[in-house]
Amino acid sequence: MSEEAKERVIEWVKQQKKTKHYFNDLCKALPEIKMMQAKKIINELINEGKLKYWSSGSTTMYMLPSEGDVAKEEKGMN
């Protein structure tokens, strides 16, 4: 189940228009799994390099490593 769940999370992220996602958003990819188990699966994806953290300082979000240069993206937002 764990490998299948990881693939479902990655596919869900790829299908979204946004590049950064809250933890609760990622849980939508695994509606039948409890939050603690989802947290373990998402942490495994982080450790494997399939997802990475993004932080604004007060909020932690998750994104694909291939989503480009976040600093450049944020510069365009100002």
PDB file of N, CA and C in Angstrom:
ATOM      1  N   MET A   1       0.823  -1.203   0.000  1.00  0.00           N
ATOM      2  CA  MET A   1       0.000   0.000   0.000  1.00  0.00           C
ATOM      3  C   MET A   1       0.862   1.261   0.000  1.00  0.00           C
ATOM      4  N   SER A   2       1.981   1.221   0.676  1.00  0.00           N
ATOM      5  CA  SER A   2       2.805   2.414   0.822  1.00  0.00           C
ATOM      6  C   SER A   2       3.323   2.936  -0.530  1.00  0.00           C
ATOM      7  N   GLU A   3       3.832   2.044  -1.374  1.00  0.00           N
ATOM      8  CA  GLU A   3       4.347   2.476  -2.681  1.00  0.00           C
ATOM      9  C   GLU A   3       3.211   2.992  -3.560  1.00  0.00           C
ATOM     10  N   GLU A   4       2.079   2.327  -3.502  1.00  0.00           N
ATOM     11  CA  GLU A   4       0.911   2.772  -4.270  1.00  0.00           C
ATOM     12  C   GLU A   4       0.454   4.144  -3.760  1.00  0.00           C
ATOM     13  N   ALA A   5       0.437   4.319  -2.464  1.00  0.00           N
ATOM     14  CA  ALA A   5       0.029   5.590  -1.869  1.00  0.00           C
ATOM     15  C   ALA A   5       0.988   6.706  -2.280  1.00  0.00           C
ATOM     16  N   LYS A   6       2.280   6.428  -2.285  1.00  0.00           N
ATOM     17  CA  LYS A   6       3.266   7.427  -2.700  1.00  0.00           C
ATOM     18  C   LYS A   6       3.016   7.860  -4.137  1.00  0.00           C
ATOM     19  N   GLU A   7       2.764   6.887  -5.011  1.00  0.00           N
ATOM     20  CA  GLU A   7       2.492   7.202  -6.414  1.00  0.00           C
ATOM     21  C   GLU A   7       1.235   8.048  -6.555  1.00  0.00           C
ATOM     22  N   ARG A   8       0.214   7.745  -5.756  1.00  0.00           N
ATOM     23  CA  ARG A   8      -1.027   8.518  -5.810  1.00  0.00           C
ATOM     24  C   ARG A   8      -0.792   9.964  -5.399  1.00  0.00           C
ATOM     25  N   VAL A   9       0.036  10.176  -4.383  1.00  0.00           N
ATOM     26  CA  VAL A   9       0.339  11.543  -3.938  1.00  0.00           C
ATOM     27  C   VAL A   9       1.074  12.294  -5.048  1.00  0.00           C
ATOM     28  N   ILE A  10       2.086  11.672  -5.632  1.00  0.00           N
ATOM     29  CA  ILE A  10       2.864  12.321  -6.689  1.00  0.00           C
ATOM     30  C   ILE A  10       1.977  12.645  -7.888  1.00  0.00           C
ATOM     31  N   GLU A  11       1.148  11.708  -8.297  1.00  0.00           N
ATOM     32  CA  GLU A  11       0.247  11.945  -9.432  1.00  0.00           C
ATOM     33  C   GLU A  11      -0.734  13.068  -9.120  1.00  0.00           C
ATOM     34  N   TRP A  12      -1.243  13.101  -7.888  1.00  0.00           N
ATOM     35  CA  TRP A  12      -2.175  14.159  -7.489  1.00  0.00           C
ATOM     36  C   TRP A  12      -1.495  15.524  -7.594  1.00  0.00           C
ATOM     37  N   VAL A  13      -0.266  15.607  -7.098  1.00  0.00           N
ATOM     38  CA  VAL A  13       0.475  16.875  -7.133  1.00  0.00           C
ATOM     39  C   VAL A  13       0.703  17.308  -8.583  1.00  0.00           C
ATOM     40  N   LYS A  14       1.060  16.378  -9.450  1.00  0.00           N
ATOM     41  CA  LYS A  14       1.321  16.702 -10.857  1.00  0.00           C
ATOM     42  C   LYS A  14       0.078  17.224 -11.562  1.00  0.00           C
ATOM     43  N   GLN A  15      -1.092  16.777 -11.140  1.00  0.00           N
ATOM     44  CA  GLN A  15      -2.342  17.180 -11.795  1.00  0.00           C
ATOM     45  C   GLN A  15      -2.846  18.544 -11.345  1.00  0.00           C
ATOM     46  N   GLN A  16      -2.303  19.077 -10.285  1.00  0.00           N
ATOM     47  CA  GLN A  16      -2.777  20.348  -9.734  1.00  0.00           C
ATOM     48  C   GLN A  16      -2.171  21.525 -10.489  1.00  0.00           C
ATOM     49  N   LYS A  17      -2.891  22.641 -10.495  1.00  0.00           N
ATOM     50  CA  LYS A  17      -2.398  23.854 -11.144  1.00  0.00           C
ATOM     51  C   LYS A  17      -1.379  24.577 -10.267  1.00  0.00           C
ATOM     52  N   LYS A  18      -1.539  24.458  -8.951  1.00  0.00           N
ATOM     53  CA  LYS A  18      -0.604  25.106  -8.027  1.00  0.00           C
ATOM     54  C   LYS A  18       0.685  24.295  -7.951  1.00  0.00           C
ATOM     55  N   THR A  19       1.778  24.964  -7.595  1.00  0.00           N
ATOM     56  CA  THR A  19       3.051  24.262  -7.443  1.00  0.00           C
ATOM     57  C   THR A  19       3.331  23.909  -5.990  1.00  0.00           C
ATOM     58  N   LYS A  20       2.750  24.674  -5.051  1.00  0.00           N
ATOM     59  CA  LYS A  20       2.980  24.426  -3.626  1.00  0.00           C
ATOM     60  C   LYS A  20       1.673  23.986  -2.976  1.00  0.00           C
ATOM     61  N   HIS A  21       1.780  23.024  -2.053  1.00  0.00           N
ATOM     62  CA  HIS A  21       0.582  22.435  -1.459  1.00  0.00           C
ATOM     63  C   HIS A  21       0.744  22.308   0.057  1.00  0.00           C
ATOM     64  N   TYR A  22      -0.342  22.590   0.762  1.00  0.00           N
ATOM     65  CA  TYR A  22      -0.386  22.359   2.199  1.00  0.00           C
ATOM     66  C   TYR A  22      -0.484  20.858   2.463  1.00  0.00           C
ATOM     67  N   PHE A  23      -0.095  20.453   3.668  1.00  0.00           N
ATOM     68  CA  PHE A  23      -0.197  19.044   4.061  1.00  0.00           C
ATOM     69  C   PHE A  23      -1.627  18.534   3.890  1.00  0.00           C
ATOM     70  N   ASN A  24      -2.605  19.334   4.334  1.00  0.00           N
ATOM     71  CA  ASN A  24      -4.011  18.907   4.219  1.00  0.00           C
ATOM     72  C   ASN A  24      -4.424  18.698   2.775  1.00  0.00           C
ATOM     73  N   ASP A  25      -3.849  19.477   1.855  1.00  0.00           N
ATOM     74  CA  ASP A  25      -4.141  19.274   0.436  1.00  0.00           C
ATOM     75  C   ASP A  25      -3.617  17.922  -0.031  1.00  0.00           C
ATOM     76  N   LEU A  26      -2.397  17.582   0.396  1.00  0.00           N
ATOM     77  CA  LEU A  26      -1.814  16.296  -0.003  1.00  0.00           C
ATOM     78  C   LEU A  26      -2.638  15.124   0.528  1.00  0.00           C
ATOM     79  N   CYS A  27      -3.251  15.311   1.678  1.00  0.00           N
ATOM     80  CA  CYS A  27      -4.076  14.250   2.259  1.00  0.00           C
ATOM     81  C   CYS A  27      -5.293  13.934   1.391  1.00  0.00           C
ATOM     82  N   LYS A  28      -5.696  14.875   0.547  1.00  0.00           N
ATOM     83  CA  LYS A  28      -6.828  14.638  -0.360  1.00  0.00           C
ATOM     84  C   LYS A  28      -6.532  13.528  -1.359  1.00  0.00           C
ATOM     85  N   ALA A  29      -5.257  13.291  -1.622  1.00  0.00           N
ATOM     86  CA  ALA A  29      -4.866  12.210  -2.531  1.00  0.00           C
ATOM     87  C   ALA A  29      -5.044  10.845  -1.874  1.00  0.00           C
ATOM     88  N   LEU A  30      -5.165  10.829  -0.548  1.00  0.00           N
ATOM     89  CA  LEU A  30      -5.267   9.583   0.217  1.00  0.00           C
ATOM     90  C   LEU A  30      -6.442   9.664   1.194  1.00  0.00           C
ATOM     91  N   PRO A  31      -7.662   9.817   0.692  1.00  0.00           N
ATOM     92  CA  PRO A  31      -8.794  10.059   1.602  1.00  0.00           C
ATOM     93  C   PRO A  31      -9.083   8.923   2.576  1.00  0.00           C
ATOM     94  N   GLU A  32      -8.697   7.707   2.237  1.00  0.00           N
ATOM     95  CA  GLU A  32      -8.999   6.566   3.106  1.00  0.00           C
ATOM     96  C   GLU A  32      -7.935   6.325   4.172  1.00  0.00           C
ATOM     97  N   ILE A  33      -6.872   7.107   4.143  1.00  0.00           N
ATOM     98  CA  ILE A  33      -5.752   6.911   5.071  1.00  0.00           C
ATOM     99  C   ILE A  33      -5.820   7.968   6.169  1.00  0.00           C
ATOM    100  N   LYS A  34      -5.559   7.559   7.394  1.00  0.00           N
ATOM    101  CA  LYS A  34      -5.545   8.492   8.525  1.00  0.00           C
ATOM    102  C   LYS A  34      -4.366   9.448   8.393  1.00  0.00           C
ATOM    103  N   MET A  35      -4.505  10.618   9.000  1.00  0.00           N
ATOM    104  CA  MET A  35      -3.492  11.669   8.860  1.00  0.00           C
ATOM    105  C   MET A  35      -2.094  11.249   9.295  1.00  0.00           C
ATOM    106  N   MET A  36      -1.987  10.513  10.373  1.00  0.00           N
ATOM    107  CA  MET A  36      -0.659  10.091  10.848  1.00  0.00           C
ATOM    108  C   MET A  36       0.032   9.197   9.829  1.00  0.00           C
ATOM    109  N   GLN A  37      -0.729   8.293   9.215  1.00  0.00           N
ATOM    110  CA  GLN A  37      -0.158   7.419   8.188  1.00  0.00           C
ATOM    111  C   GLN A  37       0.204   8.241   6.952  1.00  0.00           C
ATOM    112  N   ALA A  38      -0.646   9.203   6.587  1.00  0.00           N
ATOM    113  CA  ALA A  38      -0.354  10.070   5.445  1.00  0.00           C
ATOM    114  C   ALA A  38       0.923  10.861   5.700  1.00  0.00           C
ATOM    115  N   LYS A  39       1.102  11.335   6.924  1.00  0.00           N
ATOM    116  CA  LYS A  39       2.309  12.088   7.284  1.00  0.00           C
ATOM    117  C   LYS A  39       3.562  11.227   7.073  1.00  0.00           C
ATOM    118  N   LYS A  40       3.490   9.955   7.466  1.00  0.00           N
ATOM    119  CA  LYS A  40       4.624   9.038   7.273  1.00  0.00           C
ATOM    120  C   LYS A  40       4.927   8.864   5.790  1.00  0.00           C
ATOM    121  N   ILE A  41       3.884   8.704   4.982  1.00  0.00           N
ATOM    122  CA  ILE A  41       4.060   8.511   3.537  1.00  0.00           C
ATOM    123  C   ILE A  41       4.682   9.767   2.923  1.00  0.00           C
ATOM    124  N   ILE A  42       4.186  10.939   3.296  1.00  0.00           N
ATOM    125  CA  ILE A  42       4.716  12.191   2.752  1.00  0.00           C
ATOM    126  C   ILE A  42       6.153  12.411   3.205  1.00  0.00           C
ATOM    127  N   ASN A  43       6.473  12.072   4.450  1.00  0.00           N
ATOM    128  CA  ASN A  43       7.856  12.177   4.921  1.00  0.00           C
ATOM    129  C   ASN A  43       8.777  11.237   4.155  1.00  0.00           C
ATOM    130  N   GLU A  44       8.296  10.051   3.816  1.00  0.00           N
ATOM    131  CA  GLU A  44       9.097   9.127   3.005  1.00  0.00           C
ATOM    132  C   GLU A  44       9.371   9.740   1.631  1.00  0.00           C
ATOM    133  N   LEU A  45       8.370  10.395   1.055  1.00  0.00           N
ATOM    134  CA  LEU A  45       8.560  11.052  -0.248  1.00  0.00           C
ATOM    135  C   LEU A  45       9.593  12.173  -0.140  1.00  0.00           C
ATOM    136  N   ILE A  46       9.588  12.895   0.966  1.00  0.00           N
ATOM    137  CA  ILE A  46      10.595  13.940   1.202  1.00  0.00           C
ATOM    138  C   ILE A  46      11.980  13.299   1.285  1.00  0.00           C
ATOM    139  N   ASN A  47      12.101  12.234   2.080  1.00  0.00           N
ATOM    140  CA  ASN A  47      13.395  11.558   2.267  1.00  0.00           C
ATOM    141  C   ASN A  47      13.916  10.961   0.970  1.00  0.00           C
ATOM    142  N   GLU A  48      13.018  10.534   0.096  1.00  0.00           N
ATOM    143  CA  GLU A  48      13.410   9.947  -1.195  1.00  0.00           C
ATOM    144  C   GLU A  48      13.696  11.016  -2.245  1.00  0.00           C
ATOM    145  N   GLY A  49      13.417  12.269  -1.923  1.00  0.00           N
ATOM    146  CA  GLY A  49      13.661  13.355  -2.866  1.00  0.00           C
ATOM    147  C   GLY A  49      12.569  13.525  -3.905  1.00  0.00           C
ATOM    148  N   LYS A  50      11.421  12.890  -3.706  1.00  0.00           N
ATOM    149  CA  LYS A  50      10.318  13.002  -4.668  1.00  0.00           C
ATOM    150  C   LYS A  50       9.431  14.202  -4.383  1.00  0.00           C
ATOM    151  N   LEU A  51       9.488  14.711  -3.171  1.00  0.00           N
ATOM    152  CA  LEU A  51       8.843  15.962  -2.773  1.00  0.00           C
ATOM    153  C   LEU A  51       9.874  16.760  -2.001  1.00  0.00           C
ATOM    154  N   LYS A  52       9.654  18.071  -1.908  1.00  0.00           N
ATOM    155  CA  LYS A  52      10.537  18.888  -1.068  1.00  0.00           C
ATOM    156  C   LYS A  52       9.692  19.902  -0.315  1.00  0.00           C
ATOM    157  N   TYR A  53      10.277  20.392   0.770  1.00  0.00           N
ATOM    158  CA  TYR A  53       9.630  21.409   1.583  1.00  0.00           C
ATOM    159  C   TYR A  53       9.823  22.785   0.949  1.00  0.00           C
ATOM    160  N   TRP A  54       8.845  23.649   1.176  1.00  0.00           N
ATOM    161  CA  TRP A  54       8.972  25.061   0.875  1.00  0.00           C
ATOM    162  C   TRP A  54       8.413  25.783   2.086  1.00  0.00           C
ATOM    163  N   SER A  55       9.111  26.787   2.565  1.00  0.00           N
ATOM    164  CA  SER A  55       8.653  27.498   3.756  1.00  0.00           C
ATOM    165  C   SER A  55       8.673  28.997   3.527  1.00  0.00           C
ATOM    166  N   SER A  56       7.606  29.647   3.983  1.00  0.00           N
ATOM    167  CA  SER A  56       7.534  31.106   3.920  1.00  0.00           C
ATOM    168  C   SER A  56       8.065  31.710   5.208  1.00  0.00           C
ATOM    169  N   GLY A  57       8.427  30.871   6.146  1.00  0.00           N
ATOM    170  CA  GLY A  57       8.852  31.320   7.461  1.00  0.00           C
ATOM    171  C   GLY A  57       7.804  30.982   8.503  1.00  0.00           C
ATOM    172  N   SER A  58       6.548  31.081   8.112  1.00  0.00           N
ATOM    173  CA  SER A  58       5.477  30.743   9.051  1.00  0.00           C
ATOM    174  C   SER A  58       4.656  29.546   8.573  1.00  0.00           C
ATOM    175  N   THR A  59       4.760  29.226   7.308  1.00  0.00           N
ATOM    176  CA  THR A  59       3.982  28.136   6.726  1.00  0.00           C
ATOM    177  C   THR A  59       4.898  27.188   5.981  1.00  0.00           C
ATOM    178  N   THR A  60       4.708  25.903   6.188  1.00  0.00           N
ATOM    179  CA  THR A  60       5.457  24.904   5.445  1.00  0.00           C
ATOM    180  C   THR A  60       4.531  24.284   4.409  1.00  0.00           C
ATOM    181  N   MET A  61       5.027  24.225   3.188  1.00  0.00           N
ATOM    182  CA  MET A  61       4.268  23.621   2.101  1.00  0.00           C
ATOM    183  C   MET A  61       5.163  22.590   1.433  1.00  0.00           C
ATOM    184  N   TYR A  62       4.571  21.845   0.511  1.00  0.00           N
ATOM    185  CA  TYR A  62       5.273  20.767  -0.174  1.00  0.00           C
ATOM    186  C   TYR A  62       5.173  20.998  -1.675  1.00  0.00           C
ATOM    187  N   MET A  63       6.219  20.588  -2.386  1.00  0.00           N
ATOM    188  CA  MET A  63       6.217  20.739  -3.835  1.00  0.00           C
ATOM    189  C   MET A  63       7.121  19.694  -4.471  1.00  0.00           C
ATOM    190  N   LEU A  64       6.992  19.525  -5.774  1.00  0.00           N
ATOM    191  CA  LEU A  64       7.868  18.632  -6.512  1.00  0.00           C
ATOM    192  C   LEU A  64       9.229  19.298  -6.662  1.00  0.00           C
ATOM    193  N   PRO A  65      10.313  18.541  -6.597  1.00  0.00           N
ATOM    194  CA  PRO A  65      11.646  19.140  -6.757  1.00  0.00           C
ATOM    195  C   PRO A  65      11.823  19.767  -8.142  1.00  0.00           C
ATOM    196  N   SER A  66      11.084  19.281  -9.123  1.00  0.00           N
ATOM    197  CA  SER A  66      11.230  19.761 -10.496  1.00  0.00           C
ATOM    198  C   SER A  66      10.434  21.025 -10.784  1.00  0.00           C
ATOM    199  N   GLU A  67       9.797  21.610  -9.779  1.00  0.00           N
ATOM    200  CA  GLU A  67       8.941  22.771  -9.999  1.00  0.00           C
ATOM    201  C   GLU A  67       9.718  24.059 -10.226  1.00  0.00           C
ATOM    202  N   GLY A  68      11.002  23.969 -10.392  1.00  0.00           N
ATOM    203  CA  GLY A  68      11.770  25.144 -10.774  1.00  0.00           C
ATOM    204  C   GLY A  68      12.290  25.947  -9.602  1.00  0.00           C
ATOM    205  N   ASP A  69      12.757  27.106  -9.930  1.00  0.00           N
ATOM    206  CA  ASP A  69      13.387  27.997  -8.961  1.00  0.00           C
ATOM    207  C   ASP A  69      12.323  28.807  -8.239  1.00  0.00           C
ATOM    208  N   VAL A  70      12.068  28.463  -6.998  1.00  0.00           N
ATOM    209  CA  VAL A  70      11.030  29.128  -6.211  1.00  0.00           C
ATOM    210  C   VAL A  70      11.389  30.589  -5.975  1.00  0.00           C
ATOM    211  N   ALA A  71      12.653  30.902  -5.778  1.00  0.00           N
ATOM    212  CA  ALA A  71      13.065  32.290  -5.547  1.00  0.00           C
ATOM    213  C   ALA A  71      12.698  33.151  -6.750  1.00  0.00           C
ATOM    214  N   LYS A  72      12.904  32.629  -7.949  1.00  0.00           N
ATOM    215  CA  LYS A  72      12.562  33.359  -9.163  1.00  0.00           C
ATOM    216  C   LYS A  72      11.054  33.563  -9.252  1.00  0.00           C
ATOM    217  N   GLU A  73      10.300  32.520  -8.911  1.00  0.00           N
ATOM    218  CA  GLU A  73       8.841  32.595  -8.923  1.00  0.00           C
ATOM    219  C   GLU A  73       8.346  33.660  -7.948  1.00  0.00           C
ATOM    220  N   GLU A  74       8.931  33.702  -6.755  1.00  0.00           N
ATOM    221  CA  GLU A  74       8.505  34.658  -5.744  1.00  0.00           C
ATOM    222  C   GLU A  74       8.898  36.085  -6.125  1.00  0.00           C
ATOM    223  N   LYS A  75      10.028  36.244  -6.785  1.00  0.00           N
ATOM    224  CA  LYS A  75      10.457  37.566  -7.210  1.00  0.00           C
ATOM    225  C   LYS A  75       9.432  38.174  -8.154  1.00  0.00           C
ATOM    226  N   GLY A  76       8.867  37.356  -9.016  1.00  0.00           N
ATOM    227  CA  GLY A  76       7.847  37.813  -9.953  1.00  0.00           C
ATOM    228  C   GLY A  76       6.550  38.172  -9.285  1.00  0.00           C
ATOM    229  N   MET A  77       6.346  37.709  -8.042  1.00  0.00           N
ATOM    230  CA  MET A  77       5.106  37.987  -7.326  1.00  0.00           C
ATOM    231  C   MET A  77       5.124  39.376  -6.694  1.00  0.00           C
ATOM    232  N   ASN A  78       6.307  39.949  -6.498  1.00  0.00           N
ATOM    233  CA  ASN A  78       6.406  41.255  -5.824  1.00  0.00           C
ATOM    234  C   ASN A  78       6.181  42.400  -6.784  1.00  0.00           C
TER     235      ASN A  78
END
